[in-house]
Amino acid sequence: MPLRHAIDHHARQRPDALAVSISGTNLSYGALFERLKRLHAALIELPHRPRSDLSLPPEARLFAVAIGNHPAAATLLPAALATPHTVMLLDPQWPAALHQRMLAKLPPDVIFCLSSQTALIEAAQRLNIPAITVDTDAFETFLVAPADLPLTSPRDMFMVGFTSGTTSQPKAFARARHSWRASLDASRLAFALSEQSHTFSPGPLAHGISLYALAETLELGAAFHAITRFDLADAHHAMATTRRIVAVPSLLAALCHGTPQEQVVEITTAGAKLDPALLAKARDFFPRARIHEYYGASELGFVSLNTHGRSSSSAPANSVGHPFPHVALSIRENGVEVAQGQPGTIFVRGDLAIEGYLWGGRKSGFRREGPWATVGDLGKLNFDGSLTLLGREGGMVITAGHNVYPQEIETALSEIPGITTALVLGRTHPSRGQELVALLQGDTPLEEIRSQLAIRLPRYKLPRRFFRASQWPLTSSGKPDRATLLRWLEEKDGRLVPLHPAS
C-alpha cells in the first residue's frame, strides 16, 4: 500500500506506538502523521517555482535536505515518502563547493540544513532559496496548521538522489514512487519482515540503504532506530530494542564488539561484498540472525540476494546470490546475451530501476537496452543460476594480453585466512601494459598468500605486487575509497607497506 496510507493506518490504530527514534528523540506514529500534515501545509504555501529540470505535479514542491541524521530527519524524510513532495538528498559530507554546484543545477523550493552550514546557507540566499535551520527554532516556526494529505500518483517522483559512479561529478537521478512500492513488496518477502521487525540502521540517512530501511519499517508499523553519529555505546543501546539491523559491511563490522546480541534475528547488508572473516564474526556476534546480503545499485534497486544461515548460505560464497524476487538478469555483450558462464555486462529487467539520469552519465553508468537496464557492472551467471561480479566496465585490467577482472582476484584473496580486506588495482607497466597490484589488510605471510592464490587462480591472474595497508580509507557510503588508495600507491605513501618474502 502507499506509505501515506500505511502511516495513516498505524497512526489511527496505534497512535502511541514508536515510529522513529534518532539518538533518543522519539516520534510516535500519531505524532509523525500530525507533523507530516503540518509540513505538507507549510510546503504548499511556498511559491511555486516553474521548472523544466524536473516534472512535478502542481501541488508538489522540491525540498532539499542536508542535515545528516539530525532528529528532524524523522519528519523530513518520511514526508517525501508519504506526501506529494520530492526530497533532494544532499550528502552533508560533501564539500561546500559541491553543495553550491548542486543547488545551482537543480534549485529546490526550500532547503533544510544546520546552522553550522554557513556556506550552504549563503549559497541558498544567493539563489533566492529559503534556508530553514533545523537545529534552531526556525524549523518549528516553519511548520503550520495541518492540512490533509492528498493522494499521490505512482508515476510521480519522490526523491532526487545522487551517485558518483565512475566519475567525480555526482550524477542526479529521480526515482518514481511506483519503483519503491514494487521494491517494498519484494523485500518484505525476501527479508522475512513483519510488524515486529523493529530496525536499527547505524549509517547516514542520506544513503539509500538506510533511507530504504526507514521506508520498510514505517510501512510495517515497526519502530526505526538511528543515531546522529556513530558511537558504539549508542549503537548497542539502540540495538537492545531491535530485532533487525541494516548496515553496510564496514558498519556491521564496527557493531561486532562486546556482548553477543541474541535479540537480533535478521540482518540486511549491501554496498560491498561480505568477506568470509566478517561473515563468521557476524554469525558469532548475532547467533540467532539470518544475514541477507544483497547486491544492487541506487539506479537499479535490488539485483540479487544471498541469505546466510548459521552454517550455510543460499548461494556459493564467490557469488552475490540468485536474482532478487521480481527481477530477471541477463549477461549481455553488444546487445546480445552471452552463454551461461561467460562474462559480460549485467542487465536487469524489472520494476525497480530509474528511468535515467537528470544529468551526467552519457558515457558511463546507467543505460537501457529496450526493457533491460544496467549500471555497467560486469559479471557472469553460474550454472546454478547465481551471479558472480567481475567489476565495472572500464575497470577491467589488461595485463600481458589477458583480460582480468579485479573483483575475481579480490574474492579469492578474501577466502584466505588472515586477510580481512582486499582490493586489486591495475597499474601501468612498461612491458605488460598493466600489472596487478593487491592492497591488503591482515597478517597472512606473503608466501601463504601466493600459494593459496595459485590454487584458486591461473598464473596470469596472480598479482605481481602486494602491499599491506595500515589504514583503509572508506567513502562516505562505507565502500573502499579506490581513488585514495590508488593515489597512495602512486605517491609511495607510507601507509602502504610493500610485502616481501621472508628471508
Protein backbone atom coordinates (compact mmCIF):
# COMPACT_ATOMS: atom_id res chain seq x y z
CA MET A 1 0.00 0.00 0.00
CA PRO A 2 1.21 3.62 -0.48
CA LEU A 3 3.22 4.74 2.53
CA ARG A 4 0.86 7.64 3.18
CA HIS A 5 -1.98 5.13 3.79
CA ALA A 6 0.26 2.87 5.88
CA ILE A 7 1.35 5.68 8.25
CA ASP A 8 -2.24 6.95 8.47
CA HIS A 9 -3.41 3.42 9.33
CA HIS A 10 -0.77 2.92 12.02
CA ALA A 11 -1.48 6.40 13.44
CA ARG A 12 -5.18 5.56 13.79
CA GLN A 13 -4.71 2.03 15.13
CA ARG A 14 -1.69 2.59 17.42
CA PRO A 15 -1.08 6.35 17.75
CA ASP A 16 1.30 5.94 20.72
CA ALA A 17 3.46 3.22 19.12
CA LEU A 18 7.05 4.29 18.41
CA ALA A 19 7.67 5.13 14.76
CA VAL A 20 11.16 6.70 14.67
CA SER A 21 13.88 7.20 17.28
CA ILE A 22 17.09 9.08 16.47
CA SER A 23 19.55 9.08 19.39
CA GLY A 24 16.71 9.16 21.92
CA THR A 25 14.49 11.72 20.16
CA ASN A 26 11.28 9.77 19.60
CA LEU A 27 8.23 10.19 17.36
CA SER A 28 5.12 8.06 17.74
CA TYR A 29 3.01 7.18 14.70
CA GLY A 30 0.34 9.62 15.81
CA ALA A 31 2.84 12.46 16.25
CA LEU A 32 4.62 11.61 12.99
CA PHE A 33 1.42 11.73 10.94
CA GLU A 34 0.45 15.05 12.52
CA ARG A 35 3.89 16.54 11.73
CA LEU A 36 3.69 15.28 8.15
CA LYS A 37 0.40 17.15 7.69
CA ARG A 38 1.91 20.32 9.19
CA LEU A 39 4.99 20.08 6.97
CA HIS A 40 2.84 19.42 3.88
CA ALA A 41 0.76 22.51 4.66
CA ALA A 42 3.90 24.61 5.04
CA LEU A 43 5.42 23.36 1.79
CA ILE A 44 2.34 24.09 -0.32
CA GLU A 45 2.41 27.68 0.95
CA LEU A 46 5.79 28.19 -0.72
CA PRO A 47 5.73 29.98 -4.08
CA HIS A 48 5.59 27.54 -6.99
CA ARG A 49 8.90 27.63 -8.87
CA PRO A 50 8.42 26.98 -12.60
CA ARG A 51 10.94 24.36 -13.64
CA SER A 52 11.95 22.48 -16.75
CA ASP A 53 14.56 20.34 -14.94
CA LEU A 54 12.11 18.07 -13.10
CA SER A 55 8.48 17.15 -13.68
CA LEU A 56 6.42 17.67 -10.51
CA PRO A 57 2.64 17.92 -10.01
CA PRO A 58 1.36 21.49 -9.34
CA GLU A 59 0.82 20.86 -5.60
CA ALA A 60 4.32 19.41 -5.08
CA ARG A 61 7.49 21.18 -4.02
CA LEU A 62 11.13 20.12 -4.24
CA PHE A 63 12.79 20.39 -0.82
CA ALA A 64 16.49 19.76 -0.21
CA VAL A 65 17.77 18.09 2.96
CA ALA A 66 21.41 18.36 4.09
CA ILE A 67 21.06 17.59 7.80
CA GLY A 68 22.52 14.11 8.05
CA ASN A 69 20.99 12.16 10.94
CA HIS A 70 19.64 15.14 12.86
CA PRO A 71 16.35 14.18 14.59
CA ALA A 72 14.44 16.47 12.19
CA ALA A 73 15.12 13.82 9.54
CA ALA A 74 12.42 11.74 11.26
CA THR A 75 9.87 14.21 9.84
CA LEU A 76 11.54 15.41 6.63
CA LEU A 77 12.43 12.06 5.05
CA PRO A 78 9.02 10.37 5.59
CA ALA A 79 7.45 13.49 4.09
CA ALA A 80 8.87 12.59 0.70
CA LEU A 81 7.56 9.05 1.07
CA ALA A 82 4.04 9.97 2.22
CA THR A 83 3.21 13.38 0.70
CA PRO A 84 3.23 14.72 -2.90
CA HIS A 85 6.55 16.49 -2.36
CA THR A 86 10.01 15.44 -3.55
CA VAL A 87 13.17 15.34 -1.44
CA MET A 88 16.59 16.27 -2.83
CA LEU A 89 19.13 14.32 -0.76
CA LEU A 90 22.36 16.26 -0.25
CA ASP A 91 25.18 14.43 1.48
CA PRO A 92 26.35 16.61 4.42
CA GLN A 93 29.87 15.19 3.91
CA TRP A 94 30.17 16.90 0.53
CA PRO A 95 32.46 19.95 0.37
CA ALA A 96 30.74 23.33 0.33
CA ALA A 97 31.62 23.97 -3.32
CA LEU A 98 29.87 20.76 -4.39
CA HIS A 99 26.75 21.66 -2.41
CA GLN A 100 26.69 25.01 -4.16
CA ARG A 101 27.02 23.44 -7.63
CA MET A 102 24.15 21.05 -6.94
CA LEU A 103 21.89 23.87 -5.72
CA ALA A 104 22.66 25.90 -8.83
CA LYS A 105 21.99 22.93 -11.13
CA LEU A 106 18.69 21.95 -9.51
CA PRO A 107 17.37 24.79 -7.30
CA PRO A 108 14.92 23.47 -4.69
CA ASP A 109 11.97 25.45 -3.37
CA VAL A 110 13.46 25.29 0.15
CA ILE A 111 16.47 23.74 1.83
CA PHE A 112 16.62 22.28 5.34
CA CYS A 113 20.11 22.47 6.84
CA LEU A 114 22.09 23.05 10.03
CA SER A 115 23.01 26.48 11.36
CA SER A 116 26.68 25.49 11.17
CA GLN A 117 26.45 25.06 7.36
CA THR A 118 27.10 28.74 6.72
CA ALA A 119 28.49 28.34 3.20
CA LEU A 120 25.41 26.33 2.18
CA ILE A 121 23.08 28.94 3.70
CA GLU A 122 24.90 31.75 1.89
CA ALA A 123 24.71 29.86 -1.41
CA ALA A 124 20.97 29.32 -0.93
CA GLN A 125 20.47 33.03 -0.21
CA ARG A 126 22.29 33.99 -3.43
CA LEU A 127 19.90 31.70 -5.34
CA ASN A 128 16.82 33.02 -3.50
CA ILE A 129 16.22 29.64 -1.88
CA PRO A 130 14.77 29.79 1.66
CA ALA A 131 17.10 28.04 4.13
CA ILE A 132 15.46 26.55 7.24
CA THR A 133 17.87 25.59 10.03
CA VAL A 134 16.50 22.52 11.80
CA ASP A 135 18.71 22.90 14.90
CA THR A 136 17.11 26.24 15.78
CA ASP A 137 13.52 27.36 16.35
CA ALA A 138 13.22 28.05 12.61
CA PHE A 139 12.01 24.53 11.77
CA GLU A 140 9.16 24.51 14.29
CA THR A 141 8.23 28.04 13.22
CA PHE A 142 8.14 26.89 9.57
CA LEU A 143 5.50 24.23 10.32
CA VAL A 144 1.92 25.49 10.12
CA ALA A 145 -1.57 24.21 10.90
CA PRO A 146 -2.09 20.70 9.48
CA ALA A 147 -3.64 20.05 6.08
CA ASP A 148 -4.99 16.73 4.81
CA LEU A 149 -2.52 14.73 2.78
CA PRO A 150 -3.71 14.20 -0.80
CA LEU A 151 -3.32 11.00 -2.79
CA THR A 152 -0.06 10.54 -4.67
CA SER A 153 0.40 9.18 -8.17
CA PRO A 154 2.64 6.11 -8.64
CA ARG A 155 4.38 7.85 -11.57
CA ASP A 156 5.28 10.98 -9.62
CA MET A 157 8.83 11.49 -8.41
CA PHE A 158 9.51 11.40 -4.67
CA MET A 159 13.31 11.56 -4.47
CA VAL A 160 16.26 13.10 -6.26
CA GLY A 161 19.39 11.18 -5.34
CA PHE A 162 23.00 11.43 -6.41
CA THR A 163 25.52 8.79 -7.34
CA SER A 164 29.14 9.42 -8.25
CA GLY A 165 29.54 6.13 -10.13
CA THR A 166 32.79 6.16 -12.09
CA THR A 167 33.13 9.95 -12.15
CA SER A 168 33.93 12.58 -9.55
CA GLN A 169 30.94 14.71 -10.57
CA PRO A 170 27.74 13.37 -8.95
CA LYS A 171 25.03 12.28 -11.34
CA ALA A 172 21.47 13.10 -10.29
CA PHE A 173 18.57 10.71 -10.74
CA ALA A 174 14.88 10.94 -9.87
CA ARG A 175 13.03 7.93 -8.54
CA ALA A 176 9.30 7.38 -9.06
CA ARG A 177 7.01 6.20 -6.27
CA HIS A 178 5.96 3.01 -8.05
CA SER A 179 9.55 1.67 -8.07
CA TRP A 180 9.80 1.69 -4.27
CA ARG A 181 6.28 0.34 -3.90
CA ALA A 182 7.35 -2.64 -6.00
CA SER A 183 10.59 -2.90 -4.00
CA LEU A 184 8.74 -2.90 -0.68
CA ASP A 185 6.56 -5.78 -1.83
CA ALA A 186 9.64 -7.76 -2.88
CA SER A 187 11.85 -7.03 0.14
CA ARG A 188 9.09 -7.75 2.67
CA LEU A 189 9.09 -11.33 1.45
CA ALA A 190 12.80 -11.68 0.76
CA PHE A 191 13.90 -10.32 4.16
CA ALA A 192 11.10 -12.04 6.15
CA LEU A 193 9.78 -8.77 7.58
CA SER A 194 6.81 -8.30 9.91
CA GLU A 195 5.30 -5.67 12.21
CA GLN A 196 7.83 -6.91 14.81
CA SER A 197 10.84 -6.07 12.58
CA HIS A 198 12.00 -3.15 14.72
CA THR A 199 15.05 -1.95 12.81
CA PHE A 200 18.34 -0.25 13.67
CA SER A 201 20.34 1.34 10.86
CA PRO A 202 23.57 3.00 12.07
CA GLY A 203 24.52 4.61 8.75
CA PRO A 204 23.77 8.01 7.18
CA LEU A 205 20.10 8.51 6.30
CA ALA A 206 21.19 10.36 3.15
CA HIS A 207 22.33 6.99 1.73
CA GLY A 208 19.94 4.61 0.04
CA ILE A 209 20.35 1.56 2.29
CA SER A 210 19.31 3.46 5.46
CA LEU A 211 16.58 5.55 3.81
CA TYR A 212 15.06 2.43 2.29
CA ALA A 213 15.17 0.68 5.67
CA LEU A 214 13.21 3.61 7.10
CA ALA A 215 10.54 3.17 4.41
CA GLU A 216 10.38 -0.60 5.01
CA THR A 217 9.96 -0.15 8.75
CA LEU A 218 7.28 2.55 8.58
CA GLU A 219 5.23 0.55 6.09
CA LEU A 220 5.25 -2.39 8.50
CA GLY A 221 4.31 -0.30 11.52
CA ALA A 222 7.51 -1.25 13.35
CA ALA A 223 9.98 1.10 15.07
CA PHE A 224 13.01 2.54 13.23
CA HIS A 225 16.13 3.46 15.20
CA ALA A 226 19.09 5.58 14.06
CA ILE A 227 21.88 7.56 15.71
CA THR A 228 23.09 11.08 14.90
CA ARG A 229 26.70 9.88 14.52
CA PHE A 230 28.32 6.51 15.00
CA ASP A 231 29.23 5.68 18.58
CA LEU A 232 29.49 2.06 19.71
CA ALA A 233 27.78 2.63 23.08
CA ASP A 234 24.89 4.48 21.41
CA ALA A 235 24.67 1.76 18.78
CA HIS A 236 24.43 -1.00 21.38
CA HIS A 237 21.77 0.97 23.23
CA ALA A 238 19.72 1.27 20.02
CA MET A 239 20.22 -2.42 19.18
CA ALA A 240 18.88 -3.51 22.57
CA THR A 241 15.25 -2.98 21.50
CA THR A 242 15.53 -4.02 17.85
CA ARG A 243 15.23 -7.34 16.06
CA ARG A 244 16.83 -6.26 12.78
CA ILE A 245 19.96 -4.42 11.62
CA VAL A 246 20.51 -2.77 8.24
CA ALA A 247 24.11 -1.70 7.60
CA VAL A 248 26.92 -1.68 5.07
CA PRO A 249 29.67 -4.24 5.85
CA SER A 250 32.07 -1.69 7.37
CA LEU A 251 29.46 -0.59 9.93
CA LEU A 252 28.34 -4.16 10.53
CA ALA A 253 31.96 -4.96 11.44
CA ALA A 254 32.04 -1.95 13.78
CA LEU A 255 28.95 -3.26 15.60
CA CYS A 256 30.52 -6.68 16.30
CA HIS A 257 32.20 -5.73 19.58
CA GLY A 258 31.12 -6.51 23.12
CA THR A 259 28.42 -8.90 24.25
CA PRO A 260 26.72 -11.01 21.52
CA GLN A 261 23.28 -9.70 20.58
CA GLU A 262 20.81 -12.57 20.66
CA GLN A 263 17.70 -10.40 20.18
CA VAL A 264 18.70 -9.62 16.57
CA VAL A 265 17.16 -12.18 14.20
CA GLU A 266 17.55 -10.50 10.78
CA ILE A 267 20.43 -8.53 9.25
CA THR A 268 20.40 -6.85 5.85
CA THR A 269 23.69 -5.70 4.32
CA ALA A 270 24.81 -4.29 0.97
CA GLY A 271 27.27 -1.84 -0.57
CA ALA A 272 30.25 -4.21 -0.61
CA LYS A 273 30.66 -7.96 -0.52
CA LEU A 274 30.91 -9.63 2.89
CA ASP A 275 34.31 -11.25 3.26
CA PRO A 276 34.35 -14.69 4.93
CA ALA A 277 36.03 -13.36 8.09
CA LEU A 278 33.33 -10.72 8.65
CA LEU A 279 30.58 -13.23 7.88
CA ALA A 280 31.99 -15.59 10.53
CA LYS A 281 32.33 -12.73 13.01
CA ALA A 282 28.74 -11.57 12.41
CA ARG A 283 27.44 -15.13 12.81
CA ASP A 284 29.14 -15.35 16.21
CA PHE A 285 28.08 -11.90 17.40
CA PHE A 286 24.48 -12.28 16.21
CA PRO A 287 24.00 -16.04 16.80
CA ARG A 288 20.24 -16.10 16.03
CA ALA A 289 20.33 -13.84 12.95
CA ARG A 290 19.92 -14.67 9.30
CA ILE A 291 22.12 -12.38 7.21
CA HIS A 292 20.60 -11.16 3.95
CA GLU A 293 23.39 -9.91 1.69
CA TYR A 294 22.12 -8.23 -1.45
CA TYR A 295 23.75 -6.71 -4.49
CA GLY A 296 22.08 -3.69 -6.04
CA ALA A 297 22.57 -0.12 -7.17
CA SER A 298 20.85 3.19 -6.48
CA GLU A 299 19.75 3.29 -10.12
CA LEU A 300 18.63 -0.36 -10.37
CA GLY A 301 17.29 -1.22 -6.93
CA PHE A 302 17.73 -4.85 -5.84
CA VAL A 303 19.53 -7.21 -8.22
CA SER A 304 20.47 -10.40 -6.35
CA LEU A 305 20.36 -11.90 -2.87
CA ASN A 306 22.39 -14.38 -0.82
CA THR A 307 20.94 -15.34 2.58
CA HIS A 308 23.36 -16.76 5.13
CA GLY A 309 22.09 -19.02 7.90
CA ARG A 310 24.04 -20.24 10.88
CA SER A 311 26.10 -22.75 8.90
CA SER A 312 25.08 -22.46 5.24
CA SER A 313 24.20 -19.95 2.53
CA SER A 314 21.61 -19.87 -0.24
CA ALA A 315 24.29 -19.30 -2.91
CA PRO A 316 28.02 -20.03 -3.36
CA ALA A 317 30.44 -17.85 -1.41
CA ASN A 318 32.09 -16.47 -4.57
CA SER A 319 28.76 -15.17 -5.88
CA VAL A 320 26.40 -12.33 -4.93
CA GLY A 321 23.41 -14.66 -4.84
CA HIS A 322 20.44 -15.51 -7.01
CA PRO A 323 18.16 -12.95 -8.71
CA PHE A 324 16.01 -10.94 -6.33
CA PRO A 325 12.23 -11.63 -6.42
CA HIS A 326 10.53 -9.99 -9.44
CA VAL A 327 13.95 -9.38 -11.10
CA ALA A 328 15.30 -11.05 -14.25
CA LEU A 329 19.01 -10.99 -15.15
CA SER A 330 20.75 -11.11 -18.50
CA ILE A 331 24.51 -11.07 -19.21
CA ARG A 332 24.93 -9.23 -22.49
CA GLU A 333 27.65 -8.11 -24.86
CA ASN A 334 26.98 -5.70 -27.73
CA GLY A 335 23.23 -6.12 -27.29
CA VAL A 336 23.34 -9.94 -27.39
CA GLU A 337 23.02 -12.33 -24.45
CA VAL A 338 26.17 -14.39 -23.87
CA ALA A 339 26.29 -18.07 -22.97
CA GLN A 340 25.91 -19.09 -19.35
CA GLY A 341 29.23 -18.94 -17.54
CA GLN A 342 30.67 -16.31 -19.91
CA PRO A 343 31.50 -12.77 -18.73
CA GLY A 344 29.56 -9.74 -19.90
CA THR A 345 27.62 -6.69 -18.74
CA ILE A 346 24.89 -7.34 -16.15
CA PHE A 347 21.45 -6.19 -17.29
CA VAL A 348 18.33 -6.18 -15.13
CA ARG A 349 14.66 -6.29 -16.08
CA GLY A 350 12.02 -5.40 -13.51
CA ASP A 351 10.03 -2.56 -11.96
CA LEU A 352 12.75 -1.26 -9.67
CA ALA A 353 15.03 0.79 -11.98
CA ILE A 354 15.03 4.53 -12.58
CA GLU A 355 14.21 5.98 -15.99
CA GLY A 356 17.57 7.73 -16.36
CA TYR A 357 19.85 10.45 -15.03
CA LEU A 358 18.78 14.07 -14.79
CA TRP A 359 22.29 14.95 -15.92
CA GLY A 360 25.59 13.18 -16.50
CA GLY A 361 26.02 9.52 -17.27
CA ARG A 362 26.16 9.72 -21.05
CA LYS A 363 29.45 7.85 -21.22
CA SER A 364 29.20 5.77 -18.05
CA GLY A 365 26.75 4.46 -15.53
CA PHE A 366 23.06 3.76 -16.07
CA ARG A 367 21.69 2.98 -19.53
CA ARG A 368 18.93 0.94 -21.10
CA GLU A 369 18.67 -1.56 -23.94
CA GLY A 370 14.94 -1.98 -24.51
CA PRO A 371 13.40 -3.32 -21.27
CA TRP A 372 16.84 -4.11 -19.84
CA ALA A 373 18.85 -1.68 -17.65
CA THR A 374 22.47 -1.66 -16.44
CA VAL A 375 24.94 0.47 -14.49
CA GLY A 376 27.88 -1.12 -16.31
CA ASP A 377 28.76 -3.81 -13.79
CA LEU A 378 30.37 -6.91 -15.28
CA GLY A 379 29.60 -10.46 -14.22
CA LYS A 380 28.66 -13.97 -15.20
CA LEU A 381 25.72 -16.26 -14.48
CA ASN A 382 26.90 -19.50 -12.94
CA PHE A 383 25.38 -22.86 -13.81
CA ASP A 384 23.43 -22.92 -10.53
CA GLY A 385 21.78 -19.61 -11.50
CA SER A 386 23.80 -17.46 -9.11
CA LEU A 387 25.56 -14.26 -10.18
CA THR A 388 29.29 -13.55 -9.84
CA LEU A 389 30.52 -9.95 -10.04
CA LEU A 390 33.66 -9.27 -12.04
CA GLY A 391 33.97 -5.49 -11.81
CA ARG A 392 32.80 -2.41 -13.67
CA GLU A 393 33.05 -1.54 -17.35
CA GLY A 394 36.31 0.34 -17.79
CA GLY A 395 37.68 -1.39 -14.67
CA MET A 396 38.96 -4.44 -16.49
CA VAL A 397 42.75 -4.78 -16.39
CA ILE A 398 44.62 -5.93 -19.50
CA THR A 399 47.92 -7.47 -18.44
CA ALA A 400 50.29 -9.22 -20.86
CA GLY A 401 47.39 -9.56 -23.32
CA HIS A 402 44.97 -11.16 -20.81
CA ASN A 403 41.67 -9.60 -19.72
CA VAL A 404 41.46 -9.76 -15.93
CA TYR A 405 38.60 -8.63 -13.66
CA PRO A 406 39.96 -7.38 -10.29
CA GLN A 407 36.92 -8.45 -8.28
CA GLU A 408 37.55 -12.10 -9.11
CA ILE A 409 41.01 -11.79 -7.51
CA GLU A 410 39.61 -9.82 -4.56
CA THR A 411 37.14 -12.64 -3.91
CA ALA A 412 39.94 -15.21 -3.97
CA LEU A 413 42.05 -13.11 -1.60
CA SER A 414 39.14 -12.71 0.84
CA GLU A 415 38.90 -16.51 1.14
CA ILE A 416 42.46 -16.75 2.53
CA PRO A 417 42.54 -17.00 6.36
CA GLY A 418 44.01 -13.91 7.99
CA ILE A 419 43.11 -11.45 5.20
CA THR A 420 40.38 -9.11 6.41
CA THR A 421 40.20 -6.70 3.44
CA ALA A 422 41.50 -6.87 -0.12
CA LEU A 423 41.46 -4.61 -3.15
CA VAL A 424 43.16 -5.15 -6.52
CA LEU A 425 44.20 -2.34 -8.87
CA GLY A 426 45.80 -2.19 -12.29
CA ARG A 427 48.94 -0.05 -12.53
CA THR A 428 50.67 1.00 -15.74
CA HIS A 429 53.64 -1.25 -16.60
CA PRO A 430 56.20 -0.64 -19.41
CA SER A 431 56.09 -4.14 -20.92
CA ARG A 432 52.88 -5.77 -19.61
CA GLY A 433 50.56 -2.83 -20.27
CA GLN A 434 49.24 -3.08 -16.75
CA GLU A 435 50.36 -5.03 -13.71
CA LEU A 436 48.08 -6.32 -10.97
CA VAL A 437 48.67 -4.87 -7.51
CA ALA A 438 46.94 -6.20 -4.37
CA LEU A 439 46.32 -3.97 -1.34
CA LEU A 440 45.56 -5.92 1.82
CA GLN A 441 44.75 -5.78 5.48
CA GLY A 442 45.60 -8.81 7.60
CA ASP A 443 48.62 -10.69 8.93
CA THR A 444 48.91 -13.57 6.44
CA PRO A 445 52.54 -14.06 5.24
CA LEU A 446 53.24 -13.34 1.57
CA GLU A 447 54.32 -16.92 0.82
CA GLU A 448 50.99 -18.22 2.15
CA ILE A 449 49.03 -15.67 0.11
CA ARG A 450 50.81 -16.62 -3.09
CA SER A 451 50.45 -20.35 -2.53
CA GLN A 452 46.75 -20.02 -1.73
CA LEU A 453 46.11 -17.85 -4.81
CA ALA A 454 47.98 -20.33 -7.03
CA ILE A 455 45.40 -22.95 -6.05
CA ARG A 456 42.49 -20.67 -6.89
CA LEU A 457 43.60 -18.68 -9.95
CA PRO A 458 45.55 -19.15 -13.20
CA ARG A 459 49.05 -17.71 -13.28
CA TYR A 460 48.17 -14.64 -15.36
CA LYS A 461 45.64 -13.52 -12.72
CA LEU A 462 48.14 -13.51 -9.85
CA PRO A 463 49.10 -10.02 -8.59
CA ARG A 464 52.74 -9.17 -9.13
CA ARG A 465 52.99 -6.84 -6.13
CA PHE A 466 51.39 -6.88 -2.68
CA PHE A 467 51.05 -4.08 -0.15
CA ARG A 468 49.69 -4.09 3.39
CA ALA A 469 47.57 -1.01 4.22
CA SER A 470 47.96 0.41 7.72
CA GLN A 471 44.76 2.39 7.12
CA TRP A 472 41.77 1.57 4.96
CA PRO A 473 40.05 4.72 3.68
CA LEU A 474 36.31 4.49 3.00
CA THR A 475 33.91 6.65 1.03
CA SER A 476 31.02 8.33 2.87
CA SER A 477 28.84 5.34 1.91
CA GLY A 478 31.24 2.87 3.56
CA LYS A 479 32.88 1.48 0.42
CA PRO A 480 36.67 1.20 -0.10
CA ASP A 481 37.99 4.51 -1.44
CA ARG A 482 39.81 3.24 -4.52
CA ALA A 483 40.84 6.71 -5.67
CA THR A 484 42.63 7.45 -2.38
CA LEU A 485 44.34 4.05 -2.32
CA LEU A 486 45.49 4.46 -5.93
CA ARG A 487 46.90 7.90 -5.09
CA TRP A 488 48.75 6.44 -2.09
CA LEU A 489 50.15 3.75 -4.38
CA GLU A 490 51.39 6.24 -6.98
CA GLU A 491 52.84 8.57 -4.32
CA LYS A 492 54.56 5.68 -2.46
CA ASP A 493 52.66 6.72 0.65
CA GLY A 494 54.00 5.19 3.89
CA ARG A 495 50.54 3.86 4.75
CA LEU A 496 51.07 1.19 2.08
CA VAL A 497 53.87 -1.16 3.11
CA PRO A 498 55.33 -3.49 0.41
CA LEU A 499 55.21 -7.20 1.29
CA HIS A 500 58.37 -9.20 0.68
CA PRO A 501 59.16 -12.89 1.07
CA ALA A 502 60.55 -13.88 4.45
CA SER A 503 64.33 -14.09 4.43
